């Protein structure tokens, strides 16, 4: 009997677009996925954003939001945004799931 393991794609690199509106993520399979800054900001799972959602205070949109800084933590990226939010840690596998991978 042959057992085939499913291997999740691995993030091999990333960069922010020149207009700061998109995170471009590259995988070991040579895929390139694009995640908009607004999508990322809306997808933040930090305690602050989770509580804001629970309390009904989380915005439905973040028009014009930009990515201002990225810190690579190895397993994920700490992404800072132009609204001052910098608490979100996005595990790399979560980033790929947001892109449908």
PDB file of N, CA and C in Angstrom:
ATOM      1  N   UNK A   1       0.845  -1.174   0.000  1.00  0.00           N
ATOM      2  CA  UNK A   1       0.000   0.000   0.000  1.00  0.00           C
ATOM      3  C   UNK A   1       0.892   1.239   0.000  1.00  0.00           C
ATOM      4  N   UNK A   2       0.566   2.195  -0.842  1.00  0.00           N
ATOM      5  CA  UNK A   2       1.312   3.439  -0.934  1.00  0.00           C
ATOM      6  C   UNK A   2       0.534   4.539  -0.230  1.00  0.00           C
ATOM      7  N   UNK A   3       1.224   5.247   0.615  1.00  0.00           N
ATOM      8  CA  UNK A   3       0.603   6.377   1.315  1.00  0.00           C
ATOM      9  C   UNK A   3       1.210   7.646   0.753  1.00  0.00           C
ATOM     10  N   UNK A   4       0.344   8.526   0.307  1.00  0.00           N
ATOM     11  CA  UNK A   4       0.797   9.794  -0.244  1.00  0.00           C
ATOM     12  C   UNK A   4       0.514  10.891   0.771  1.00  0.00           C
ATOM     13  N   UNK A   5       1.529  11.586   1.151  1.00  0.00           N
ATOM     14  CA  UNK A   5       1.370  12.683   2.108  1.00  0.00           C
ATOM     15  C   UNK A   5       1.011  13.955   1.367  1.00  0.00           C
ATOM     16  N   UNK A   6       0.099  14.693   1.933  1.00  0.00           N
ATOM     17  CA  UNK A   6      -0.217  16.009   1.400  1.00  0.00           C
ATOM     18  C   UNK A   6       0.695  17.015   2.070  1.00  0.00           C
ATOM     19  N   UNK A   7       1.397  17.750   1.279  1.00  0.00           N
ATOM     20  CA  UNK A   7       2.332  18.720   1.814  1.00  0.00           C
ATOM     21  C   UNK A   7       1.812  20.119   1.492  1.00  0.00           C
ATOM     22  N   UNK A   8       1.688  20.910   2.517  1.00  0.00           N
ATOM     23  CA  UNK A   8       1.230  22.282   2.314  1.00  0.00           C
ATOM     24  C   UNK A   8       2.317  23.080   1.610  1.00  0.00           C
ATOM     25  N   UNK A   9       1.917  24.012   0.752  1.00  0.00           N
ATOM     26  CA  UNK A   9       2.924  24.846   0.097  1.00  0.00           C
ATOM     27  C   UNK A   9       3.715  25.653   1.131  1.00  0.00           C
ATOM     28  N   UNK A  10       4.950  25.893   0.832  1.00  0.00           N
ATOM     29  CA  UNK A  10       5.824  26.638   1.725  1.00  0.00           C
ATOM     30  C   UNK A  10       6.074  28.029   1.157  1.00  0.00           C
ATOM     31  N   UNK A  11       6.017  29.025   2.010  1.00  0.00           N
ATOM     32  CA  UNK A  11       6.318  30.396   1.596  1.00  0.00           C
ATOM     33  C   UNK A  11       7.831  30.535   1.504  1.00  0.00           C
ATOM     34  N   UNK A  12       8.292  30.973   0.352  1.00  0.00           N
ATOM     35  CA  UNK A  12       9.734  31.149   0.160  1.00  0.00           C
ATOM     36  C   UNK A  12      10.151  32.607   0.082  1.00  0.00           C
ATOM     37  N   UNK A  13       9.186  33.490  -0.082  1.00  0.00           N
ATOM     38  CA  UNK A  13       9.512  34.901  -0.156  1.00  0.00           C
ATOM     39  C   UNK A  13       8.262  35.750  -0.198  1.00  0.00           C
ATOM     40  N   UNK A  14       8.455  37.032  -0.011  1.00  0.00           N
ATOM     41  CA  UNK A  14       7.331  37.964  -0.043  1.00  0.00           C
ATOM     42  C   UNK A  14       7.865  39.357  -0.309  1.00  0.00           C
ATOM     43  N   UNK A  15       6.998  40.210  -0.793  1.00  0.00           N
ATOM     44  CA  UNK A  15       7.341  41.615  -0.979  1.00  0.00           C
ATOM     45  C   UNK A  15       6.049  42.415  -1.026  1.00  0.00           C
ATOM     46  N   UNK A  16       6.171  43.685  -0.781  1.00  0.00           N
ATOM     47  CA  UNK A  16       5.028  44.584  -0.848  1.00  0.00           C
ATOM     48  C   UNK A  16       5.107  45.329  -2.173  1.00  0.00           C
ATOM     49  N   UNK A  17       3.950  45.483  -2.811  1.00  0.00           N
ATOM     50  CA  UNK A  17       3.908  46.212  -4.084  1.00  0.00           C
ATOM     51  C   UNK A  17       4.350  47.660  -3.878  1.00  0.00           C
ATOM     52  N   UNK A  18       4.753  48.305  -4.956  1.00  0.00           N
ATOM     53  CA  UNK A  18       5.253  49.681  -4.898  1.00  0.00           C
ATOM     54  C   UNK A  18       4.231  50.655  -4.316  1.00  0.00           C
ATOM     55  N   UNK A  19       2.948  50.384  -4.543  1.00  0.00           N
ATOM     56  CA  UNK A  19       1.903  51.280  -4.017  1.00  0.00           C
ATOM     57  C   UNK A  19       1.467  50.904  -2.598  1.00  0.00           C
ATOM     58  N   UNK A  20       2.110  49.897  -2.004  1.00  0.00           N
ATOM     59  CA  UNK A  20       1.858  49.434  -0.629  1.00  0.00           C
ATOM     60  C   UNK A  20       0.468  48.840  -0.433  1.00  0.00           C
ATOM     61  N   UNK A  21      -0.225  48.525  -1.525  1.00  0.00           N
ATOM     62  CA  UNK A  21      -1.596  48.021  -1.445  1.00  0.00           C
ATOM     63  C   UNK A  21      -1.700  46.506  -1.528  1.00  0.00           C
ATOM     64  N   UNK A  22      -0.589  45.824  -1.826  1.00  0.00           N
ATOM     65  CA  UNK A  22      -0.636  44.380  -2.050  1.00  0.00           C
ATOM     66  C   UNK A  22       0.603  43.698  -1.478  1.00  0.00           C
ATOM     67  N   UNK A  23       0.359  42.561  -0.822  1.00  0.00           N
ATOM     68  CA  UNK A  23       1.448  41.688  -0.394  1.00  0.00           C
ATOM     69  C   UNK A  23       1.546  40.574  -1.421  1.00  0.00           C
ATOM     70  N   UNK A  24       2.727  40.405  -1.990  1.00  0.00           N
ATOM     71  CA  UNK A  24       2.972  39.354  -2.965  1.00  0.00           C
ATOM     72  C   UNK A  24       3.755  38.259  -2.258  1.00  0.00           C
ATOM     73  N   UNK A  25       3.200  37.050  -2.241  1.00  0.00           N
ATOM     74  CA  UNK A  25       3.809  35.915  -1.546  1.00  0.00           C
ATOM     75  C   UNK A  25       4.211  34.873  -2.581  1.00  0.00           C
ATOM     76  N   UNK A  26       5.450  34.393  -2.485  1.00  0.00           N
ATOM     77  CA  UNK A  26       5.936  33.339  -3.376  1.00  0.00           C
ATOM     78  C   UNK A  26       6.038  32.028  -2.594  1.00  0.00           C
ATOM     79  N   UNK A  27       5.728  30.925  -3.295  1.00  0.00           N
ATOM     80  CA  UNK A  27       5.788  29.615  -2.657  1.00  0.00           C
ATOM     81  C   UNK A  27       6.872  28.758  -3.297  1.00  0.00           C
ATOM     82  N   UNK A  28       7.187  27.651  -2.623  1.00  0.00           N
ATOM     83  CA  UNK A  28       8.189  26.719  -3.128  1.00  0.00           C
ATOM     84  C   UNK A  28       7.755  26.090  -4.447  1.00  0.00           C
ATOM     85  N   UNK A  29       6.469  26.119  -4.736  1.00  0.00           N
ATOM     86  CA  UNK A  29       5.948  25.587  -6.000  1.00  0.00           C
ATOM     87  C   UNK A  29       6.003  26.624  -7.118  1.00  0.00           C
ATOM     88  N   UNK A  30       6.684  27.734  -6.860  1.00  0.00           N
ATOM     89  CA  UNK A  30       6.806  28.837  -7.823  1.00  0.00           C
ATOM     90  C   UNK A  30       5.479  29.526  -8.102  1.00  0.00           C
ATOM     91  N   UNK A  31       4.550  29.403  -7.179  1.00  0.00           N
ATOM     92  CA  UNK A  31       3.305  30.163  -7.276  1.00  0.00           C
ATOM     93  C   UNK A  31       3.564  31.553  -6.721  1.00  0.00           C
ATOM     94  N   UNK A  32       2.817  32.494  -7.193  1.00  0.00           N
ATOM     95  CA  UNK A  32       2.866  33.845  -6.658  1.00  0.00           C
ATOM     96  C   UNK A  32       1.425  34.243  -6.363  1.00  0.00           C
ATOM     97  N   UNK A  33       1.154  34.542  -5.102  1.00  0.00           N
ATOM     98  CA  UNK A  33      -0.203  34.934  -4.718  1.00  0.00           C
ATOM     99  C   UNK A  33      -0.181  36.375  -4.239  1.00  0.00           C
ATOM    100  N   UNK A  34      -1.276  37.059  -4.487  1.00  0.00           N
ATOM    101  CA  UNK A  34      -1.389  38.473  -4.128  1.00  0.00           C
ATOM    102  C   UNK A  34      -2.522  38.638  -3.129  1.00  0.00           C
ATOM    103  N   UNK A  35      -2.223  39.338  -2.051  1.00  0.00           N
ATOM    104  CA  UNK A  35      -3.204  39.617  -1.008  1.00  0.00           C
ATOM    105  C   UNK A  35      -3.285  41.126  -0.816  1.00  0.00           C
ATOM    106  N   UNK A  36      -4.466  41.668  -0.978  1.00  0.00           N
ATOM    107  CA  UNK A  36      -4.654  43.100  -0.813  1.00  0.00           C
ATOM    108  C   UNK A  36      -4.523  43.525   0.638  1.00  0.00           C
ATOM    109  N   UNK A  37      -4.040  44.737   0.847  1.00  0.00           N
ATOM    110  CA  UNK A  37      -3.871  45.265   2.203  1.00  0.00           C
ATOM    111  C   UNK A  37      -5.203  45.274   2.958  1.00  0.00           C
ATOM    112  N   UNK A  38      -6.280  45.647   2.286  1.00  0.00           N
ATOM    113  CA  UNK A  38      -7.577  45.667   2.963  1.00  0.00           C
ATOM    114  C   UNK A  38      -7.995  44.260   3.369  1.00  0.00           C
ATOM    115  N   UNK A  39      -7.805  43.276   2.501  1.00  0.00           N
ATOM    116  CA  UNK A  39      -8.130  41.899   2.848  1.00  0.00           C
ATOM    117  C   UNK A  39      -7.333  41.441   4.069  1.00  0.00           C
ATOM    118  N   UNK A  40      -6.055  41.781   4.088  1.00  0.00           N
ATOM    119  CA  UNK A  40      -5.207  41.398   5.220  1.00  0.00           C
ATOM    120  C   UNK A  40      -5.666  42.075   6.510  1.00  0.00           C
ATOM    121  N   UNK A  41      -5.954  43.356   6.417  1.00  0.00           N
ATOM    122  CA  UNK A  41      -6.388  44.092   7.620  1.00  0.00           C
ATOM    123  C   UNK A  41      -7.699  43.531   8.139  1.00  0.00           C
ATOM    124  N   UNK A  42      -8.620  43.198   7.243  1.00  0.00           N
ATOM    125  CA  UNK A  42      -9.902  42.615   7.641  1.00  0.00           C
ATOM    126  C   UNK A  42      -9.745  41.205   8.210  1.00  0.00           C
ATOM    127  N   UNK A  43      -8.654  40.536   7.860  1.00  0.00           N
ATOM    128  CA  UNK A  43      -8.420  39.151   8.285  1.00  0.00           C
ATOM    129  C   UNK A  43      -7.561  39.031   9.533  1.00  0.00           C
ATOM    130  N   UNK A  44      -7.220  40.148  10.157  1.00  0.00           N
ATOM    131  CA  UNK A  44      -6.371  40.116  11.349  1.00  0.00           C
ATOM    132  C   UNK A  44      -7.063  39.340  12.469  1.00  0.00           C
ATOM    133  N   UNK A  45      -6.308  38.449  13.103  1.00  0.00           N
ATOM    134  CA  UNK A  45      -6.839  37.610  14.185  1.00  0.00           C
ATOM    135  C   UNK A  45      -6.235  37.954  15.547  1.00  0.00           C
ATOM    136  N   UNK A  46      -5.610  39.130  15.664  1.00  0.00           N
ATOM    137  CA  UNK A  46      -5.016  39.495  16.955  1.00  0.00           C
ATOM    138  C   UNK A  46      -6.124  39.666  18.001  1.00  0.00           C
ATOM    139  N   UNK A  47      -5.751  39.700  19.260  1.00  0.00           N
ATOM    140  CA  UNK A  47      -6.725  39.815  20.351  1.00  0.00           C
ATOM    141  C   UNK A  47      -7.536  41.097  20.240  1.00  0.00           C
ATOM    142  N   UNK A  48      -6.899  42.191  19.870  1.00  0.00           N
ATOM    143  CA  UNK A  48      -7.586  43.469  19.747  1.00  0.00           C
ATOM    144  C   UNK A  48      -8.687  43.397  18.685  1.00  0.00           C
ATOM    145  N   UNK A  49      -8.360  42.871  17.512  1.00  0.00           N
ATOM    146  CA  UNK A  49      -9.333  42.778  16.420  1.00  0.00           C
ATOM    147  C   UNK A  49     -10.415  41.748  16.730  1.00  0.00           C
ATOM    148  N   UNK A  50     -10.025  40.645  17.353  1.00  0.00           N
ATOM    149  CA  UNK A  50     -11.007  39.631  17.729  1.00  0.00           C
ATOM    150  C   UNK A  50     -12.009  40.214  18.713  1.00  0.00           C
ATOM    151  N   UNK A  51     -11.533  40.966  19.688  1.00  0.00           N
ATOM    152  CA  UNK A  51     -12.427  41.597  20.663  1.00  0.00           C
ATOM    153  C   UNK A  51     -13.324  42.635  19.987  1.00  0.00           C
ATOM    154  N   UNK A  52     -12.773  43.424  19.080  1.00  0.00           N
ATOM    155  CA  UNK A  52     -13.557  44.425  18.360  1.00  0.00           C
ATOM    156  C   UNK A  52     -14.674  43.751  17.558  1.00  0.00           C
ATOM    157  N   UNK A  53     -14.386  42.598  16.957  1.00  0.00           N
ATOM    158  CA  UNK A  53     -15.424  41.860  16.233  1.00  0.00           C
ATOM    159  C   UNK A  53     -16.502  41.397  17.196  1.00  0.00           C
ATOM    160  N   UNK A  54     -16.091  40.846  18.310  1.00  0.00           N
ATOM    161  CA  UNK A  54     -17.021  40.341  19.325  1.00  0.00           C
ATOM    162  C   UNK A  54     -17.935  41.461  19.831  1.00  0.00           C
ATOM    163  N   UNK A  55     -17.374  42.646  20.006  1.00  0.00           N
ATOM    164  CA  UNK A  55     -18.137  43.795  20.520  1.00  0.00           C
ATOM    165  C   UNK A  55     -18.891  44.550  19.423  1.00  0.00           C
ATOM    166  N   UNK A  56     -18.751  44.112  18.173  1.00  0.00           N
ATOM    167  CA  UNK A  56     -19.425  44.784  17.067  1.00  0.00           C
ATOM    168  C   UNK A  56     -18.803  46.120  16.692  1.00  0.00           C
ATOM    169  N   UNK A  57     -17.520  46.315  17.037  1.00  0.00           N
ATOM    170  CA  UNK A  57     -16.819  47.574  16.746  1.00  0.00           C
ATOM    171  C   UNK A  57     -15.822  47.462  15.598  1.00  0.00           C
ATOM    172  N   UNK A  58     -15.730  46.298  14.982  1.00  0.00           N
ATOM    173  CA  UNK A  58     -14.741  46.106  13.926  1.00  0.00           C
ATOM    174  C   UNK A  58     -15.293  46.647  12.615  1.00  0.00           C
ATOM    175  N   UNK A  59     -14.544  47.503  11.935  1.00  0.00           N
ATOM    176  CA  UNK A  59     -15.037  48.080  10.674  1.00  0.00           C
ATOM    177  C   UNK A  59     -15.306  47.009   9.614  1.00  0.00           C
ATOM    178  N   UNK A  60     -16.220  47.323   8.725  1.00  0.00           N
ATOM    179  CA  UNK A  60     -16.511  46.418   7.606  1.00  0.00           C
ATOM    180  C   UNK A  60     -15.541  46.619   6.461  1.00  0.00           C
ATOM    181  N   UNK A  61     -14.878  47.764   6.426  1.00  0.00           N
ATOM    182  CA  UNK A  61     -13.943  48.071   5.351  1.00  0.00           C
ATOM    183  C   UNK A  61     -12.788  48.904   5.891  1.00  0.00           C
ATOM    184  N   UNK A  62     -11.712  48.898   5.154  1.00  0.00           N
ATOM    185  CA  UNK A  62     -10.543  49.733   5.430  1.00  0.00           C
ATOM    186  C   UNK A  62     -10.084  50.353   4.113  1.00  0.00           C
ATOM    187  N   UNK A  63     -10.897  51.230   3.532  1.00  0.00           N
ATOM    188  CA  UNK A  63     -10.539  51.789   2.225  1.00  0.00           C
ATOM    189  C   UNK A  63      -9.235  52.588   2.288  1.00  0.00           C
ATOM    190  N   UNK A  64      -8.402  52.382   1.299  1.00  0.00           N
ATOM    191  CA  UNK A  64      -7.150  53.125   1.211  1.00  0.00           C
ATOM    192  C   UNK A  64      -6.064  52.664   2.162  1.00  0.00           C
ATOM    193  N   UNK A  65      -6.281  51.581   2.888  1.00  0.00           N
ATOM    194  CA  UNK A  65      -5.282  51.092   3.847  1.00  0.00           C
ATOM    195  C   UNK A  65      -4.023  50.645   3.087  1.00  0.00           C
ATOM    196  N   UNK A  66      -2.878  50.835   3.698  1.00  0.00           N
ATOM    197  CA  UNK A  66      -1.607  50.452   3.081  1.00  0.00           C
ATOM    198  C   UNK A  66      -0.788  49.632   4.063  1.00  0.00           C
ATOM    199  N   UNK A  67       0.068  48.806   3.529  1.00  0.00           N
ATOM    200  CA  UNK A  67       1.019  48.037   4.329  1.00  0.00           C
ATOM    201  C   UNK A  67       2.236  48.933   4.539  1.00  0.00           C
ATOM    202  N   UNK A  68       2.591  49.189   5.789  1.00  0.00           N
ATOM    203  CA  UNK A  68       3.691  50.100   6.067  1.00  0.00           C
ATOM    204  C   UNK A  68       4.975  49.399   6.501  1.00  0.00           C
ATOM    205  N   UNK A  69       4.843  48.178   7.019  1.00  0.00           N
ATOM    206  CA  UNK A  69       6.037  47.463   7.488  1.00  0.00           C
ATOM    207  C   UNK A  69       5.707  45.987   7.629  1.00  0.00           C
ATOM    208  N   UNK A  70       6.726  45.151   7.432  1.00  0.00           N
ATOM    209  CA  UNK A  70       6.569  43.715   7.628  1.00  0.00           C
ATOM    210  C   UNK A  70       7.758  43.213   8.429  1.00  0.00           C
ATOM    211  N   UNK A  71       7.463  42.466   9.476  1.00  0.00           N
ATOM    212  CA  UNK A  71       8.500  41.793  10.250  1.00  0.00           C
ATOM    213  C   UNK A  71       8.353  40.300  10.042  1.00  0.00           C
ATOM    214  N   UNK A  72       9.424  39.637   9.635  1.00  0.00           N
ATOM    215  CA  UNK A  72       9.387  38.192   9.405  1.00  0.00           C
ATOM    216  C   UNK A  72       9.748  37.478  10.698  1.00  0.00           C
ATOM    217  N   UNK A  73       8.804  36.700  11.214  1.00  0.00           N
ATOM    218  CA  UNK A  73       9.008  35.974  12.463  1.00  0.00           C
ATOM    219  C   UNK A  73       9.376  34.522  12.217  1.00  0.00           C
ATOM    220  N   UNK A  74       9.631  34.163  10.986  1.00  0.00           N
ATOM    221  CA  UNK A  74       9.951  32.777  10.643  1.00  0.00           C
ATOM    222  C   UNK A  74       8.690  32.018  10.270  1.00  0.00           C
ATOM    223  N   UNK A  75       7.827  31.779  11.225  1.00  0.00           N
ATOM    224  CA  UNK A  75       6.585  31.038  10.985  1.00  0.00           C
ATOM    225  C   UNK A  75       5.480  31.930  10.421  1.00  0.00           C
ATOM    226  N   UNK A  76       5.651  33.233  10.534  1.00  0.00           N
ATOM    227  CA  UNK A  76       4.615  34.155  10.083  1.00  0.00           C
ATOM    228  C   UNK A  76       5.155  35.561   9.922  1.00  0.00           C
ATOM    229  N   UNK A  77       4.274  36.440   9.461  1.00  0.00           N
ATOM    230  CA  UNK A  77       4.645  37.832   9.242  1.00  0.00           C
ATOM    231  C   UNK A  77       3.859  38.736  10.172  1.00  0.00           C
ATOM    232  N   UNK A  78       4.550  39.675  10.788  1.00  0.00           N
ATOM    233  CA  UNK A  78       3.908  40.725  11.575  1.00  0.00           C
ATOM    234  C   UNK A  78       3.748  41.909  10.625  1.00  0.00           C
ATOM    235  N   UNK A  79       2.497  42.202  10.279  1.00  0.00           N
ATOM    236  CA  UNK A  79       2.224  43.231   9.285  1.00  0.00           C
ATOM    237  C   UNK A  79       1.683  44.477   9.968  1.00  0.00           C
ATOM    238  N   UNK A  80       2.271  45.627   9.652  1.00  0.00           N
ATOM    239  CA  UNK A  80       1.816  46.922  10.150  1.00  0.00           C
ATOM    240  C   UNK A  80       1.093  47.651   9.024  1.00  0.00           C
ATOM    241  N   UNK A  81       0.082  48.423   9.415  1.00  0.00           N
ATOM    242  CA  UNK A  81      -0.769  49.104   8.438  1.00  0.00           C
ATOM    243  C   UNK A  81      -0.782  50.612   8.679  1.00  0.00           C
ATOM    244  N   UNK A  82      -1.231  51.327   7.660  1.00  0.00           N
ATOM    245  CA  UNK A  82      -1.239  52.790   7.707  1.00  0.00           C
ATOM    246  C   UNK A  82      -2.220  53.367   8.721  1.00  0.00           C
ATOM    247  N   UNK A  83      -3.135  52.561   9.268  1.00  0.00           N
ATOM    248  CA  UNK A  83      -4.036  53.057  10.314  1.00  0.00           C
ATOM    249  C   UNK A  83      -3.408  52.931  11.698  1.00  0.00           C
ATOM    250  N   UNK A  84      -2.130  52.521  11.747  1.00  0.00           N
ATOM    251  CA  UNK A  84      -1.414  52.387  13.005  1.00  0.00           C
ATOM    252  C   UNK A  84      -1.483  50.992  13.603  1.00  0.00           C
ATOM    253  N   UNK A  85      -2.298  50.109  13.046  1.00  0.00           N
ATOM    254  CA  UNK A  85      -2.410  48.752  13.586  1.00  0.00           C
ATOM    255  C   UNK A  85      -1.158  47.960  13.249  1.00  0.00           C
ATOM    256  N   UNK A  86      -0.552  47.371  14.284  1.00  0.00           N
ATOM    257  CA  UNK A  86       0.677  46.604  14.064  1.00  0.00           C
ATOM    258  C   UNK A  86       0.743  45.348  14.928  1.00  0.00           C
ATOM    259  N   UNK A  87      -0.395  44.877  15.382  1.00  0.00           N
ATOM    260  CA  UNK A  87      -0.423  43.724  16.286  1.00  0.00           C
ATOM    261  C   UNK A  87      -0.641  42.387  15.595  1.00  0.00           C
ATOM    262  N   UNK A  88      -1.009  42.418  14.331  1.00  0.00           N
ATOM    263  CA  UNK A  88      -1.379  41.186  13.647  1.00  0.00           C
ATOM    264  C   UNK A  88      -0.191  40.345  13.242  1.00  0.00           C
ATOM    265  N   UNK A  89      -0.229  39.085  13.638  1.00  0.00           N
ATOM    266  CA  UNK A  89       0.754  38.115  13.183  1.00  0.00           C
ATOM    267  C   UNK A  89       0.001  37.145  12.283  1.00  0.00           C
ATOM    268  N   UNK A  90       0.472  37.029  11.067  1.00  0.00           N
ATOM    269  CA  UNK A  90      -0.169  36.205  10.055  1.00  0.00           C
ATOM    270  C   UNK A  90       0.712  34.994   9.784  1.00  0.00           C
ATOM    271  N   UNK A  91       0.386  33.829  10.375  1.00  0.00           N
ATOM    272  CA  UNK A  91       1.179  32.633  10.057  1.00  0.00           C
ATOM    273  C   UNK A  91       1.210  32.436   8.535  1.00  0.00           C
ATOM    274  N   UNK A  92       2.331  31.976   8.029  1.00  0.00           N
ATOM    275  CA  UNK A  92       2.479  31.848   6.579  1.00  0.00           C
ATOM    276  C   UNK A  92       1.435  30.917   5.979  1.00  0.00           C
ATOM    277  N   UNK A  93       1.077  29.873   6.684  1.00  0.00           N
ATOM    278  CA  UNK A  93       0.052  28.962   6.180  1.00  0.00           C
ATOM    279  C   UNK A  93      -1.306  29.678   6.137  1.00  0.00           C
ATOM    280  N   UNK A  94      -1.536  30.603   7.069  1.00  0.00           N
ATOM    281  CA  UNK A  94      -2.776  31.398   7.062  1.00  0.00           C
ATOM    282  C   UNK A  94      -2.814  32.328   5.856  1.00  0.00           C
ATOM    283  N   UNK A  95      -1.679  32.933   5.536  1.00  0.00           N
ATOM    284  CA  UNK A  95      -1.607  33.795   4.353  1.00  0.00           C
ATOM    285  C   UNK A  95      -1.984  33.006   3.095  1.00  0.00           C
ATOM    286  N   UNK A  96      -1.459  31.799   2.980  1.00  0.00           N
ATOM    287  CA  UNK A  96      -1.777  30.981   1.810  1.00  0.00           C
ATOM    288  C   UNK A  96      -3.242  30.576   1.809  1.00  0.00           C
ATOM    289  N   UNK A  97      -3.805  30.329   2.973  1.00  0.00           N
ATOM    290  CA  UNK A  97      -5.235  29.973   3.025  1.00  0.00           C
ATOM    291  C   UNK A  97      -6.094  31.154   2.606  1.00  0.00           C
ATOM    292  N   UNK A  98      -5.684  32.370   2.964  1.00  0.00           N
ATOM    293  CA  UNK A  98      -6.422  33.558   2.534  1.00  0.00           C
ATOM    294  C   UNK A  98      -6.417  33.691   1.013  1.00  0.00           C
ATOM    295  N   UNK A  99      -5.368  33.187   0.400  1.00  0.00           N
ATOM    296  CA  UNK A  99      -5.243  33.249  -1.059  1.00  0.00           C
ATOM    297  C   UNK A  99      -5.866  32.034  -1.735  1.00  0.00           C
ATOM    298  N   UNK A 100      -6.446  31.136  -0.951  1.00  0.00           N
ATOM    299  CA  UNK A 100      -7.090  29.962  -1.529  1.00  0.00           C
ATOM    300  C   UNK A 100      -6.142  28.823  -1.849  1.00  0.00           C
ATOM    301  N   UNK A 101      -4.971  28.782  -1.222  1.00  0.00           N
ATOM    302  CA  UNK A 101      -4.004  27.703  -1.451  1.00  0.00           C
ATOM    303  C   UNK A 101      -4.055  26.710  -0.315  1.00  0.00           C
TER     304      UNK A 101
END
